[in-house]
Amino acid sequence: MSGDDGVGDGAIVGAVTANVLKVAVPVVLTYAVGWAVLHAIGMGFDAITGKEEQA
């Protein structure tokens, strides 16, 4: 915040951030696609069997 940080500090933070994103983004995308597929299968099953959700 004070402006006294060196270039090395920024490079380290950037490298750590890049490595975390390399792992986190595929995990989040895989989870989202899996949830969407399971949700669609559930909706299709409910439509076929005539089940309706009750609140």
PDB file of N, CA and C in Angstrom:
ATOM      1  N   MET A   1       0.811  -1.189   0.000  1.00  0.00           N
ATOM      2  CA  MET A   1       0.000   0.000   0.000  1.00  0.00           C
ATOM      3  C   MET A   1       0.861   1.263   0.000  1.00  0.00           C
ATOM      4  N   SER A   2       2.051   1.171   0.597  1.00  0.00           N
ATOM      5  CA  SER A   2       2.887   2.362   0.716  1.00  0.00           C
ATOM      6  C   SER A   2       3.688   2.618  -0.545  1.00  0.00           C
ATOM      7  N   GLY A   3       3.734   1.673  -1.458  1.00  0.00           N
ATOM      8  CA  GLY A   3       4.518   1.846  -2.677  1.00  0.00           C
ATOM      9  C   GLY A   3       5.939   1.375  -2.539  1.00  0.00           C
ATOM     10  N   ASP A   4       6.300   0.834  -1.381  1.00  0.00           N
ATOM     11  CA  ASP A   4       7.663   0.385  -1.142  1.00  0.00           C
ATOM     12  C   ASP A   4       7.904  -1.058  -1.553  1.00  0.00           C
ATOM     13  N   ASP A   5       6.887  -1.761  -2.014  1.00  0.00           N
ATOM     14  CA  ASP A   5       7.053  -3.152  -2.428  1.00  0.00           C
ATOM     15  C   ASP A   5       7.877  -3.215  -3.707  1.00  0.00           C
ATOM     16  N   GLY A   6       8.692  -4.235  -3.790  1.00  0.00           N
ATOM     17  CA  GLY A   6       9.531  -4.398  -4.961  1.00  0.00           C
ATOM     18  C   GLY A   6       8.831  -5.191  -6.050  1.00  0.00           C
ATOM     19  N   VAL A   7       9.533  -5.306  -7.178  1.00  0.00           N
ATOM     20  CA  VAL A   7       9.007  -6.053  -8.312  1.00  0.00           C
ATOM     21  C   VAL A   7       8.880  -7.531  -7.956  1.00  0.00           C
ATOM     22  N   GLY A   8       9.784  -8.030  -7.145  1.00  0.00           N
ATOM     23  CA  GLY A   8       9.765  -9.440  -6.746  1.00  0.00           C
ATOM     24  C   GLY A   8       8.506  -9.819  -5.995  1.00  0.00           C
ATOM     25  N   ASP A   9       8.021  -8.925  -5.160  1.00  0.00           N
ATOM     26  CA  ASP A   9       6.791  -9.216  -4.412  1.00  0.00           C
ATOM     27  C   ASP A   9       5.612  -9.365  -5.363  1.00  0.00           C
ATOM     28  N   GLY A  10       5.516  -8.493  -6.324  1.00  0.00           N
ATOM     29  CA  GLY A  10       4.431  -8.576  -7.299  1.00  0.00           C
ATOM     30  C   GLY A  10       4.533  -9.825  -8.151  1.00  0.00           C
ATOM     31  N   ALA A  11       5.752 -10.216  -8.485  1.00  0.00           N
ATOM     32  CA  ALA A  11       5.949 -11.416  -9.289  1.00  0.00           C
ATOM     33  C   ALA A  11       5.542 -12.660  -8.509  1.00  0.00           C
ATOM     34  N   ILE A  12       5.854 -12.683  -7.231  1.00  0.00           N
ATOM     35  CA  ILE A  12       5.488 -13.835  -6.401  1.00  0.00           C
ATOM     36  C   ILE A  12       3.974 -13.926  -6.271  1.00  0.00           C
ATOM     37  N   VAL A  13       3.338 -12.801  -5.989  1.00  0.00           N
ATOM     38  CA  VAL A  13       1.880 -12.792  -5.855  1.00  0.00           C
ATOM     39  C   VAL A  13       1.235 -13.203  -7.173  1.00  0.00           C
ATOM     40  N   GLY A  14       1.758 -12.714  -8.279  1.00  0.00           N
ATOM     41  CA  GLY A  14       1.222 -13.076  -9.595  1.00  0.00           C
ATOM     42  C   GLY A  14       1.386 -14.555  -9.894  1.00  0.00           C
ATOM     43  N   ALA A  15       2.528 -15.113  -9.545  1.00  0.00           N
ATOM     44  CA  ALA A  15       2.770 -16.535  -9.797  1.00  0.00           C
ATOM     45  C   ALA A  15       1.858 -17.405  -8.941  1.00  0.00           C
ATOM     46  N   VAL A  16       1.688 -17.037  -7.689  1.00  0.00           N
ATOM     47  CA  VAL A  16       0.808 -17.806  -6.808  1.00  0.00           C
ATOM     48  C   VAL A  16      -0.631 -17.720  -7.309  1.00  0.00           C
ATOM     49  N   THR A  17      -1.065 -16.524  -7.681  1.00  0.00           N
ATOM     50  CA  THR A  17      -2.421 -16.337  -8.189  1.00  0.00           C
ATOM     51  C   THR A  17      -2.651 -17.160  -9.451  1.00  0.00           C
ATOM     52  N   ALA A  18      -1.691 -17.156 -10.357  1.00  0.00           N
ATOM     53  CA  ALA A  18      -1.826 -17.923 -11.596  1.00  0.00           C
ATOM     54  C   ALA A  18      -1.937 -19.417 -11.304  1.00  0.00           C
ATOM     55  N   ASN A  19      -1.137 -19.915 -10.384  1.00  0.00           N
ATOM     56  CA  ASN A  19      -1.183 -21.343 -10.058  1.00  0.00           C
ATOM     57  C   ASN A  19      -2.484 -21.725  -9.365  1.00  0.00           C
ATOM     58  N   VAL A  20      -2.992 -20.855  -8.511  1.00  0.00           N
ATOM     59  CA  VAL A  20      -4.270 -21.128  -7.851  1.00  0.00           C
ATOM     60  C   VAL A  20      -5.387 -21.143  -8.891  1.00  0.00           C
ATOM     61  N   LEU A  21      -5.377 -20.206  -9.815  1.00  0.00           N
ATOM     62  CA  LEU A  21      -6.411 -20.146 -10.850  1.00  0.00           C
ATOM     63  C   LEU A  21      -6.338 -21.343 -11.794  1.00  0.00           C
ATOM     64  N   LYS A  22      -5.129 -21.851 -12.035  1.00  0.00           N
ATOM     65  CA  LYS A  22      -4.985 -23.035 -12.892  1.00  0.00           C
ATOM     66  C   LYS A  22      -5.727 -24.230 -12.316  1.00  0.00           C
ATOM     67  N   VAL A  23      -5.826 -24.285 -11.003  1.00  0.00           N
ATOM     68  CA  VAL A  23      -6.520 -25.385 -10.337  1.00  0.00           C
ATOM     69  C   VAL A  23      -7.989 -25.034 -10.107  1.00  0.00           C
ATOM     70  N   ALA A  24      -8.259 -23.826  -9.648  1.00  0.00           N
ATOM     71  CA  ALA A  24      -9.608 -23.452  -9.230  1.00  0.00           C
ATOM     72  C   ALA A  24     -10.588 -23.348 -10.397  1.00  0.00           C
ATOM     73  N   VAL A  25     -10.173 -22.769 -11.506  1.00  0.00           N
ATOM     74  CA  VAL A  25     -11.093 -22.571 -12.629  1.00  0.00           C
ATOM     75  C   VAL A  25     -11.602 -23.901 -13.188  1.00  0.00           C
ATOM     76  N   PRO A  26     -10.753 -24.878 -13.478  1.00  0.00           N
ATOM     77  CA  PRO A  26     -11.286 -26.161 -13.961  1.00  0.00           C
ATOM     78  C   PRO A  26     -12.190 -26.861 -12.947  1.00  0.00           C
ATOM     79  N   VAL A  27     -11.878 -26.746 -11.662  1.00  0.00           N
ATOM     80  CA  VAL A  27     -12.716 -27.379 -10.644  1.00  0.00           C
ATOM     81  C   VAL A  27     -14.097 -26.735 -10.630  1.00  0.00           C
ATOM     82  N   VAL A  28     -14.155 -25.417 -10.677  1.00  0.00           N
ATOM     83  CA  VAL A  28     -15.436 -24.708 -10.666  1.00  0.00           C
ATOM     84  C   VAL A  28     -16.225 -25.020 -11.934  1.00  0.00           C
ATOM     85  N   LEU A  29     -15.571 -25.025 -13.084  1.00  0.00           N
ATOM     86  CA  LEU A  29     -16.271 -25.334 -14.335  1.00  0.00           C
ATOM     87  C   LEU A  29     -16.792 -26.771 -14.341  1.00  0.00           C
ATOM     88  N   THR A  30     -16.004 -27.706 -13.841  1.00  0.00           N
ATOM     89  CA  THR A  30     -16.441 -29.100 -13.786  1.00  0.00           C
ATOM     90  C   THR A  30     -17.645 -29.244 -12.864  1.00  0.00           C
ATOM     91  N   TYR A  31     -17.612 -28.578 -11.729  1.00  0.00           N
ATOM     92  CA  TYR A  31     -18.734 -28.625 -10.801  1.00  0.00           C
ATOM     93  C   TYR A  31     -19.989 -28.038 -11.454  1.00  0.00           C
ATOM     94  N   ALA A  32     -19.844 -26.894 -12.123  1.00  0.00           N
ATOM     95  CA  ALA A  32     -20.999 -26.231 -12.741  1.00  0.00           C
ATOM     96  C   ALA A  32     -21.613 -27.095 -13.839  1.00  0.00           C
ATOM     97  N   VAL A  33     -20.787 -27.694 -14.668  1.00  0.00           N
ATOM     98  CA  VAL A  33     -21.297 -28.546 -15.746  1.00  0.00           C
ATOM     99  C   VAL A  33     -21.960 -29.789 -15.160  1.00  0.00           C
ATOM    100  N   GLY A  34     -21.343 -30.386 -14.157  1.00  0.00           N
ATOM    101  CA  GLY A  34     -21.920 -31.571 -13.522  1.00  0.00           C
ATOM    102  C   GLY A  34     -23.261 -31.256 -12.874  1.00  0.00           C
ATOM    103  N   TRP A  35     -23.343 -30.115 -12.190  1.00  0.00           N
ATOM    104  CA  TRP A  35     -24.607 -29.724 -11.570  1.00  0.00           C
ATOM    105  C   TRP A  35     -25.678 -29.516 -12.639  1.00  0.00           C
ATOM    106  N   ALA A  36     -25.322 -28.843 -13.733  1.00  0.00           N
ATOM    107  CA  ALA A  36     -26.295 -28.581 -14.800  1.00  0.00           C
ATOM    108  C   ALA A  36     -26.800 -29.883 -15.415  1.00  0.00           C
ATOM    109  N   VAL A  37     -25.910 -30.831 -15.626  1.00  0.00           N
ATOM    110  CA  VAL A  37     -26.307 -32.109 -16.212  1.00  0.00           C
ATOM    111  C   VAL A  37     -27.232 -32.866 -15.249  1.00  0.00           C
ATOM    112  N   LEU A  38     -26.862 -32.936 -13.982  1.00  0.00           N
ATOM    113  CA  LEU A  38     -27.703 -33.638 -13.014  1.00  0.00           C
ATOM    114  C   LEU A  38     -29.057 -32.945 -12.846  1.00  0.00           C
ATOM    115  N   HIS A  39     -29.056 -31.631 -12.877  1.00  0.00           N
ATOM    116  CA  HIS A  39     -30.303 -30.879 -12.769  1.00  0.00           C
ATOM    117  C   HIS A  39     -31.205 -31.154 -13.971  1.00  0.00           C
ATOM    118  N   ALA A  40     -30.621 -31.164 -15.153  1.00  0.00           N
ATOM    119  CA  ALA A  40     -31.392 -31.436 -16.373  1.00  0.00           C
ATOM    120  C   ALA A  40     -31.938 -32.864 -16.364  1.00  0.00           C
ATOM    121  N   ILE A  41     -31.134 -33.817 -15.917  1.00  0.00           N
ATOM    122  CA  ILE A  41     -31.596 -35.204 -15.835  1.00  0.00           C
ATOM    123  C   ILE A  41     -32.760 -35.298 -14.854  1.00  0.00           C
ATOM    124  N   GLY A  42     -32.646 -34.633 -13.722  1.00  0.00           N
ATOM    125  CA  GLY A  42     -33.716 -34.639 -12.734  1.00  0.00           C
ATOM    126  C   GLY A  42     -34.996 -34.018 -13.274  1.00  0.00           C
ATOM    127  N   MET A  43     -34.868 -32.907 -13.985  1.00  0.00           N
ATOM    128  CA  MET A  43     -36.046 -32.270 -14.570  1.00  0.00           C
ATOM    129  C   MET A  43     -36.672 -33.167 -15.634  1.00  0.00           C
ATOM    130  N   GLY A  44     -35.845 -33.809 -16.431  1.00  0.00           N
ATOM    131  CA  GLY A  44     -36.358 -34.724 -17.448  1.00  0.00           C
ATOM    132  C   GLY A  44     -37.066 -35.903 -16.833  1.00  0.00           C
ATOM    133  N   PHE A  45     -36.494 -36.456 -15.776  1.00  0.00           N
ATOM    134  CA  PHE A  45     -37.116 -37.583 -15.082  1.00  0.00           C
ATOM    135  C   PHE A  45     -38.465 -37.174 -14.498  1.00  0.00           C
ATOM    136  N   ASP A  46     -38.500 -35.980 -13.878  1.00  0.00           N
ATOM    137  CA  ASP A  46     -39.760 -35.488 -13.322  1.00  0.00           C
ATOM    138  C   ASP A  46     -40.798 -35.267 -14.411  1.00  0.00           C
ATOM    139  N   ALA A  47     -40.373 -34.783 -15.567  1.00  0.00           N
ATOM    140  CA  ALA A  47     -41.311 -34.561 -16.668  1.00  0.00           C
ATOM    141  C   ALA A  47     -41.858 -35.881 -17.209  1.00  0.00           C
ATOM    142  N   ILE A  48     -40.997 -36.890 -17.281  1.00  0.00           N
ATOM    143  CA  ILE A  48     -41.414 -38.185 -17.799  1.00  0.00           C
ATOM    144  C   ILE A  48     -42.354 -38.881 -16.819  1.00  0.00           C
ATOM    145  N   THR A  49     -42.036 -38.834 -15.532  1.00  0.00           N
ATOM    146  CA  THR A  49     -42.829 -39.549 -14.535  1.00  0.00           C
ATOM    147  C   THR A  49     -44.036 -38.742 -14.048  1.00  0.00           C
ATOM    148  N   GLY A  50     -44.100 -37.476 -14.404  1.00  0.00           N
ATOM    149  CA  GLY A  50     -45.228 -36.648 -14.006  1.00  0.00           C
ATOM    150  C   GLY A  50     -45.123 -36.105 -12.593  1.00  0.00           C
ATOM    151  N   LYS A  51     -43.952 -36.254 -11.988  1.00  0.00           N
ATOM    152  CA  LYS A  51     -43.745 -35.712 -10.647  1.00  0.00           C
ATOM    153  C   LYS A  51     -43.652 -34.203 -10.712  1.00  0.00           C
ATOM    154  N   GLU A  52     -44.191 -33.541  -9.704  1.00  0.00           N
ATOM    155  CA  GLU A  52     -44.048 -32.102  -9.600  1.00  0.00           C
ATOM    156  C   GLU A  52     -43.479 -31.775  -8.225  1.00  0.00           C
ATOM    157  N   GLU A  53     -42.637 -30.746  -8.197  1.00  0.00           N
ATOM    158  CA  GLU A  53     -42.054 -30.346  -6.914  1.00  0.00           C
ATOM    159  C   GLU A  53     -43.134 -29.699  -6.049  1.00  0.00           C
ATOM    160  N   GLN A  54     -43.079 -30.002  -4.774  1.00  0.00           N
ATOM    161  CA  GLN A  54     -43.997 -29.376  -3.838  1.00  0.00           C
ATOM    162  C   GLN A  54     -43.215 -28.473  -2.900  1.00  0.00           C
ATOM    163  N   ALA A  55     -43.737 -27.290  -2.659  1.00  0.00           N
ATOM    164  CA  ALA A  55     -43.042 -26.331  -1.803  1.00  0.00           C
ATOM    165  C   ALA A  55     -43.192 -26.670  -0.341  1.00  0.00           C
TER     166      ALA A  55
END
